[in-house]
Amino acid sequence: MDQNTIDEGKTTAIISYVTLIGTLIAYFMNKKNNNEFVKFHIGQALRAWITGLIVTFIAKVLIMFTGIGLLGYFQYAGLVLAIIGGLNAMNGKVEKIPLVGDIG
């Protein structure tokens, strides 16, 4: 991927990490340009937010059954992954997010 492609898509790639709605907005913004850098980061952002939803659901179920309130901190997993991905997009890197970047 050349530097010009990265520079053109950097803003849209960063938008993709701003909530799940930002991912959808970035997807529709990139439909016309079809920038590979943005496409990569949209996929990573989608993985981050879906992981966050799944982990939050599992944590809430575990809290219900075990009563261990500290498990509630797992609800921030998606946010942490999105921040890591957003930093990668801001720095123009094409790096997968930890743990779930290879899924799908």
N, C-alpha and C. Protein backbone atom coordinates (compact mmCIF):
# COMPACT_ATOMS: atom_id res chain seq x y z
N MET A 1 0.85 -1.17 0.00
CA MET A 1 0.00 0.00 0.00
C MET A 1 0.90 1.24 0.00
N ASP A 2 0.66 2.14 -0.93
CA ASP A 2 1.52 3.32 -1.03
C ASP A 2 1.07 4.43 -0.07
N GLN A 3 1.95 5.36 0.17
CA GLN A 3 1.72 6.43 1.14
C GLN A 3 0.56 7.34 0.71
N ASN A 4 0.37 7.50 -0.58
CA ASN A 4 -0.72 8.34 -1.08
C ASN A 4 -2.08 7.75 -0.70
N THR A 5 -2.22 6.45 -0.83
CA THR A 5 -3.46 5.78 -0.45
C THR A 5 -3.73 5.94 1.04
N ILE A 6 -2.68 5.82 1.85
CA ILE A 6 -2.82 5.96 3.30
C ILE A 6 -3.22 7.39 3.65
N ASP A 7 -2.56 8.37 3.05
CA ASP A 7 -2.86 9.77 3.35
C ASP A 7 -4.29 10.15 2.95
N GLU A 8 -4.75 9.64 1.82
CA GLU A 8 -6.10 9.95 1.36
C GLU A 8 -7.18 9.36 2.27
N GLY A 9 -6.91 8.19 2.85
CA GLY A 9 -7.93 7.51 3.63
C GLY A 9 -7.79 7.62 5.13
N LYS A 10 -6.82 8.37 5.60
CA LYS A 10 -6.53 8.42 7.03
C LYS A 10 -7.72 8.93 7.85
N THR A 11 -8.35 10.00 7.43
CA THR A 11 -9.47 10.58 8.18
C THR A 11 -10.65 9.61 8.25
N THR A 12 -10.98 9.01 7.13
CA THR A 12 -12.09 8.06 7.10
C THR A 12 -11.77 6.83 7.94
N ALA A 13 -10.53 6.39 7.93
CA ALA A 13 -10.13 5.24 8.74
C ALA A 13 -10.27 5.55 10.22
N ILE A 14 -9.93 6.75 10.63
CA ILE A 14 -10.07 7.14 12.03
C ILE A 14 -11.55 7.20 12.41
N ILE A 15 -12.39 7.72 11.52
CA ILE A 15 -13.83 7.79 11.79
C ILE A 15 -14.41 6.41 12.02
N SER A 16 -13.86 5.40 11.38
CA SER A 16 -14.41 4.06 11.52
C SER A 16 -14.30 3.51 12.94
N TYR A 17 -13.41 4.07 13.75
CA TYR A 17 -13.25 3.60 15.12
C TYR A 17 -14.09 4.39 16.13
N VAL A 18 -14.83 5.40 15.66
CA VAL A 18 -15.65 6.21 16.57
C VAL A 18 -17.04 5.58 16.61
N THR A 19 -17.25 4.69 17.51
CA THR A 19 -18.48 3.91 17.72
C THR A 19 -18.84 3.07 16.49
N LEU A 20 -19.81 2.23 16.68
CA LEU A 20 -20.27 1.36 15.59
C LEU A 20 -20.93 2.19 14.49
N ILE A 21 -21.56 3.28 14.85
CA ILE A 21 -22.16 4.17 13.85
C ILE A 21 -21.07 4.81 13.00
N GLY A 22 -19.95 5.16 13.61
CA GLY A 22 -18.82 5.69 12.86
C GLY A 22 -18.29 4.69 11.84
N THR A 23 -18.34 3.41 12.20
CA THR A 23 -17.92 2.36 11.27
C THR A 23 -18.84 2.34 10.06
N LEU A 24 -20.13 2.45 10.29
CA LEU A 24 -21.09 2.48 9.18
C LEU A 24 -20.91 3.73 8.32
N ILE A 25 -20.69 4.87 8.95
CA ILE A 25 -20.46 6.11 8.20
C ILE A 25 -19.21 5.98 7.33
N ALA A 26 -18.13 5.43 7.90
CA ALA A 26 -16.89 5.26 7.14
C ALA A 26 -17.11 4.29 5.98
N TYR A 27 -17.92 3.26 6.20
CA TYR A 27 -18.20 2.30 5.13
C TYR A 27 -18.86 2.99 3.95
N PHE A 28 -19.88 3.80 4.23
CA PHE A 28 -20.58 4.47 3.13
C PHE A 28 -19.74 5.59 2.51
N MET A 29 -18.89 6.23 3.30
CA MET A 29 -17.99 7.24 2.74
C MET A 29 -16.96 6.60 1.80
N ASN A 30 -16.57 5.38 2.09
CA ASN A 30 -15.53 4.71 1.31
C ASN A 30 -16.08 3.96 0.10
N LYS A 31 -17.40 3.85 -0.02
CA LYS A 31 -17.97 3.10 -1.13
C LYS A 31 -17.55 3.65 -2.49
N LYS A 32 -17.49 4.96 -2.60
CA LYS A 32 -17.14 5.58 -3.89
C LYS A 32 -15.64 5.49 -4.16
N ASN A 33 -14.82 5.77 -3.13
CA ASN A 33 -13.36 5.81 -3.32
C ASN A 33 -12.73 4.43 -3.33
N ASN A 34 -13.28 3.50 -2.57
CA ASN A 34 -12.77 2.13 -2.46
C ASN A 34 -11.29 2.11 -2.08
N ASN A 35 -10.94 2.85 -1.03
CA ASN A 35 -9.57 2.96 -0.54
C ASN A 35 -9.24 1.71 0.29
N GLU A 36 -8.15 1.04 -0.03
CA GLU A 36 -7.77 -0.21 0.65
C GLU A 36 -7.40 0.03 2.12
N PHE A 37 -6.76 1.16 2.42
CA PHE A 37 -6.40 1.48 3.80
C PHE A 37 -7.66 1.63 4.65
N VAL A 38 -8.64 2.33 4.13
CA VAL A 38 -9.90 2.52 4.86
C VAL A 38 -10.64 1.19 4.99
N LYS A 39 -10.64 0.41 3.94
CA LYS A 39 -11.32 -0.89 3.98
C LYS A 39 -10.72 -1.79 5.06
N PHE A 40 -9.40 -1.79 5.18
CA PHE A 40 -8.74 -2.58 6.22
C PHE A 40 -9.18 -2.13 7.60
N HIS A 41 -9.18 -0.81 7.83
CA HIS A 41 -9.51 -0.30 9.16
C HIS A 41 -11.01 -0.43 9.48
N ILE A 42 -11.86 -0.39 8.48
CA ILE A 42 -13.27 -0.64 8.72
C ILE A 42 -13.46 -2.07 9.22
N GLY A 43 -12.77 -3.01 8.61
CA GLY A 43 -12.84 -4.41 9.06
C GLY A 43 -12.32 -4.58 10.47
N GLN A 44 -11.23 -3.91 10.80
CA GLN A 44 -10.68 -4.00 12.15
C GLN A 44 -11.62 -3.36 13.17
N ALA A 45 -12.21 -2.22 12.82
CA ALA A 45 -13.14 -1.54 13.72
C ALA A 45 -14.37 -2.40 13.97
N LEU A 46 -14.87 -3.03 12.93
CA LEU A 46 -16.02 -3.91 13.07
C LEU A 46 -15.71 -5.07 14.01
N ARG A 47 -14.52 -5.63 13.88
CA ARG A 47 -14.10 -6.70 14.79
C ARG A 47 -14.03 -6.20 16.23
N ALA A 48 -13.51 -5.00 16.43
CA ALA A 48 -13.38 -4.44 17.78
C ALA A 48 -14.75 -4.25 18.41
N TRP A 49 -15.68 -3.64 17.68
CA TRP A 49 -16.99 -3.35 18.26
C TRP A 49 -17.82 -4.62 18.48
N ILE A 50 -17.74 -5.57 17.57
CA ILE A 50 -18.47 -6.83 17.77
C ILE A 50 -17.89 -7.59 18.96
N THR A 51 -16.57 -7.60 19.09
CA THR A 51 -15.93 -8.24 20.24
C THR A 51 -16.39 -7.57 21.52
N GLY A 52 -16.47 -6.25 21.52
CA GLY A 52 -16.93 -5.53 22.69
C GLY A 52 -18.34 -5.92 23.09
N LEU A 53 -19.23 -6.05 22.11
CA LEU A 53 -20.61 -6.44 22.40
C LEU A 53 -20.69 -7.85 22.98
N ILE A 54 -19.94 -8.76 22.38
CA ILE A 54 -19.97 -10.16 22.85
C ILE A 54 -19.38 -10.27 24.25
N VAL A 55 -18.24 -9.64 24.48
CA VAL A 55 -17.59 -9.73 25.79
C VAL A 55 -18.45 -9.06 26.86
N THR A 56 -19.12 -7.96 26.53
CA THR A 56 -20.00 -7.29 27.49
C THR A 56 -21.15 -8.21 27.87
N PHE A 57 -21.75 -8.86 26.89
CA PHE A 57 -22.85 -9.78 27.17
C PHE A 57 -22.39 -10.93 28.07
N ILE A 58 -21.25 -11.53 27.74
CA ILE A 58 -20.74 -12.64 28.55
C ILE A 58 -20.41 -12.18 29.96
N ALA A 59 -19.81 -10.99 30.08
CA ALA A 59 -19.46 -10.47 31.41
C ALA A 59 -20.72 -10.23 32.24
N LYS A 60 -21.77 -9.70 31.64
CA LYS A 60 -23.00 -9.44 32.38
C LYS A 60 -23.65 -10.74 32.84
N VAL A 61 -23.60 -11.77 32.01
CA VAL A 61 -24.14 -13.07 32.41
C VAL A 61 -23.32 -13.65 33.56
N LEU A 62 -22.01 -13.55 33.46
CA LEU A 62 -21.15 -14.06 34.54
C LEU A 62 -21.36 -13.29 35.83
N ILE A 63 -21.57 -12.00 35.75
CA ILE A 63 -21.83 -11.21 36.95
C ILE A 63 -23.14 -11.64 37.58
N MET A 64 -24.14 -11.92 36.74
CA MET A 64 -25.43 -12.36 37.25
C MET A 64 -25.31 -13.66 38.03
N PHE A 65 -24.53 -14.59 37.50
CA PHE A 65 -24.44 -15.91 38.14
C PHE A 65 -23.41 -15.98 39.26
N THR A 66 -22.32 -15.22 39.15
CA THR A 66 -21.28 -15.32 40.17
C THR A 66 -21.31 -14.19 41.18
N GLY A 67 -21.84 -13.05 40.79
CA GLY A 67 -21.87 -11.90 41.69
C GLY A 67 -20.54 -11.17 41.80
N ILE A 68 -19.60 -11.49 40.94
CA ILE A 68 -18.28 -10.84 40.96
C ILE A 68 -18.37 -9.59 40.10
N GLY A 69 -18.52 -8.45 40.74
CA GLY A 69 -18.71 -7.19 40.03
C GLY A 69 -17.50 -6.73 39.24
N LEU A 70 -16.32 -7.22 39.60
CA LEU A 70 -15.11 -6.82 38.88
C LEU A 70 -15.12 -7.27 37.42
N LEU A 71 -15.93 -8.25 37.11
CA LEU A 71 -16.03 -8.71 35.73
C LEU A 71 -16.64 -7.63 34.83
N GLY A 72 -17.25 -6.63 35.43
CA GLY A 72 -17.84 -5.54 34.67
C GLY A 72 -16.81 -4.74 33.88
N TYR A 73 -15.56 -4.79 34.31
CA TYR A 73 -14.52 -4.06 33.58
C TYR A 73 -14.26 -4.64 32.20
N PHE A 74 -14.70 -5.87 31.96
CA PHE A 74 -14.52 -6.46 30.64
C PHE A 74 -15.36 -5.76 29.59
N GLN A 75 -16.36 -4.98 30.01
CA GLN A 75 -17.19 -4.28 29.04
C GLN A 75 -16.41 -3.23 28.26
N TYR A 76 -15.24 -2.88 28.74
CA TYR A 76 -14.41 -1.90 28.04
C TYR A 76 -13.47 -2.53 27.01
N ALA A 77 -13.58 -3.82 26.79
CA ALA A 77 -12.68 -4.51 25.85
C ALA A 77 -12.80 -3.94 24.44
N GLY A 78 -14.02 -3.73 23.96
CA GLY A 78 -14.21 -3.18 22.62
C GLY A 78 -13.65 -1.78 22.49
N LEU A 79 -13.82 -0.98 23.53
CA LEU A 79 -13.30 0.39 23.51
C LEU A 79 -11.78 0.39 23.46
N VAL A 80 -11.15 -0.48 24.24
CA VAL A 80 -9.69 -0.56 24.24
C VAL A 80 -9.17 -0.99 22.87
N LEU A 81 -9.82 -1.98 22.27
CA LEU A 81 -9.41 -2.44 20.94
C LEU A 81 -9.61 -1.33 19.90
N ALA A 82 -10.71 -0.58 20.03
CA ALA A 82 -10.96 0.51 19.09
C ALA A 82 -9.93 1.63 19.24
N ILE A 83 -9.51 1.91 20.46
CA ILE A 83 -8.49 2.93 20.67
C ILE A 83 -7.16 2.50 20.05
N ILE A 84 -6.81 1.23 20.23
CA ILE A 84 -5.58 0.72 19.62
C ILE A 84 -5.65 0.83 18.10
N GLY A 85 -6.78 0.43 17.53
CA GLY A 85 -6.95 0.52 16.08
C GLY A 85 -6.96 1.95 15.59
N GLY A 86 -7.60 2.84 16.34
CA GLY A 86 -7.62 4.26 15.97
C GLY A 86 -6.24 4.87 15.97
N LEU A 87 -5.43 4.49 16.95
CA LEU A 87 -4.05 4.97 16.98
C LEU A 87 -3.26 4.45 15.78
N ASN A 88 -3.49 3.19 15.42
CA ASN A 88 -2.83 2.64 14.23
C ASN A 88 -3.25 3.41 12.97
N ALA A 89 -4.54 3.72 12.86
CA ALA A 89 -5.04 4.47 11.70
C ALA A 89 -4.45 5.87 11.67
N MET A 90 -4.39 6.50 12.84
CA MET A 90 -3.86 7.86 12.91
C MET A 90 -2.39 7.91 12.51
N ASN A 91 -1.65 6.86 12.85
CA ASN A 91 -0.23 6.81 12.52
C ASN A 91 0.05 6.22 11.15
N GLY A 92 -1.00 5.89 10.40
CA GLY A 92 -0.84 5.36 9.05
C GLY A 92 -0.34 3.94 9.00
N LYS A 93 -0.57 3.17 10.06
CA LYS A 93 -0.10 1.79 10.12
C LYS A 93 -1.20 0.83 9.66
N VAL A 94 -0.78 -0.26 9.05
CA VAL A 94 -1.70 -1.32 8.66
C VAL A 94 -1.38 -2.51 9.55
N GLU A 95 -1.78 -2.40 10.82
CA GLU A 95 -1.54 -3.45 11.81
C GLU A 95 -2.87 -3.93 12.35
N LYS A 96 -2.96 -5.23 12.54
CA LYS A 96 -4.19 -5.82 13.07
C LYS A 96 -4.28 -5.57 14.57
N ILE A 97 -5.52 -5.43 15.05
CA ILE A 97 -5.70 -5.23 16.49
C ILE A 97 -5.45 -6.55 17.21
N PRO A 98 -5.03 -6.47 18.48
CA PRO A 98 -4.68 -7.70 19.21
C PRO A 98 -5.89 -8.63 19.40
N LEU A 99 -5.61 -9.88 19.47
CA LEU A 99 -6.55 -10.96 19.80
C LEU A 99 -7.56 -11.27 18.70
N VAL A 100 -8.22 -10.29 18.14
CA VAL A 100 -9.30 -10.57 17.18
C VAL A 100 -9.02 -10.05 15.78
N GLY A 101 -7.86 -9.49 15.53
CA GLY A 101 -7.54 -8.90 14.24
C GLY A 101 -7.49 -9.90 13.11
N ASP A 102 -7.25 -11.17 13.43
CA ASP A 102 -7.15 -12.20 12.39
C ASP A 102 -8.47 -12.93 12.13
N ILE A 103 -9.47 -12.71 12.97
CA ILE A 103 -10.73 -13.42 12.84
C ILE A 103 -11.48 -12.90 11.62
N GLY A 104 -12.04 -13.82 10.87
CA GLY A 104 -12.89 -13.45 9.73
C GLY A 104 -12.09 -13.30 8.52
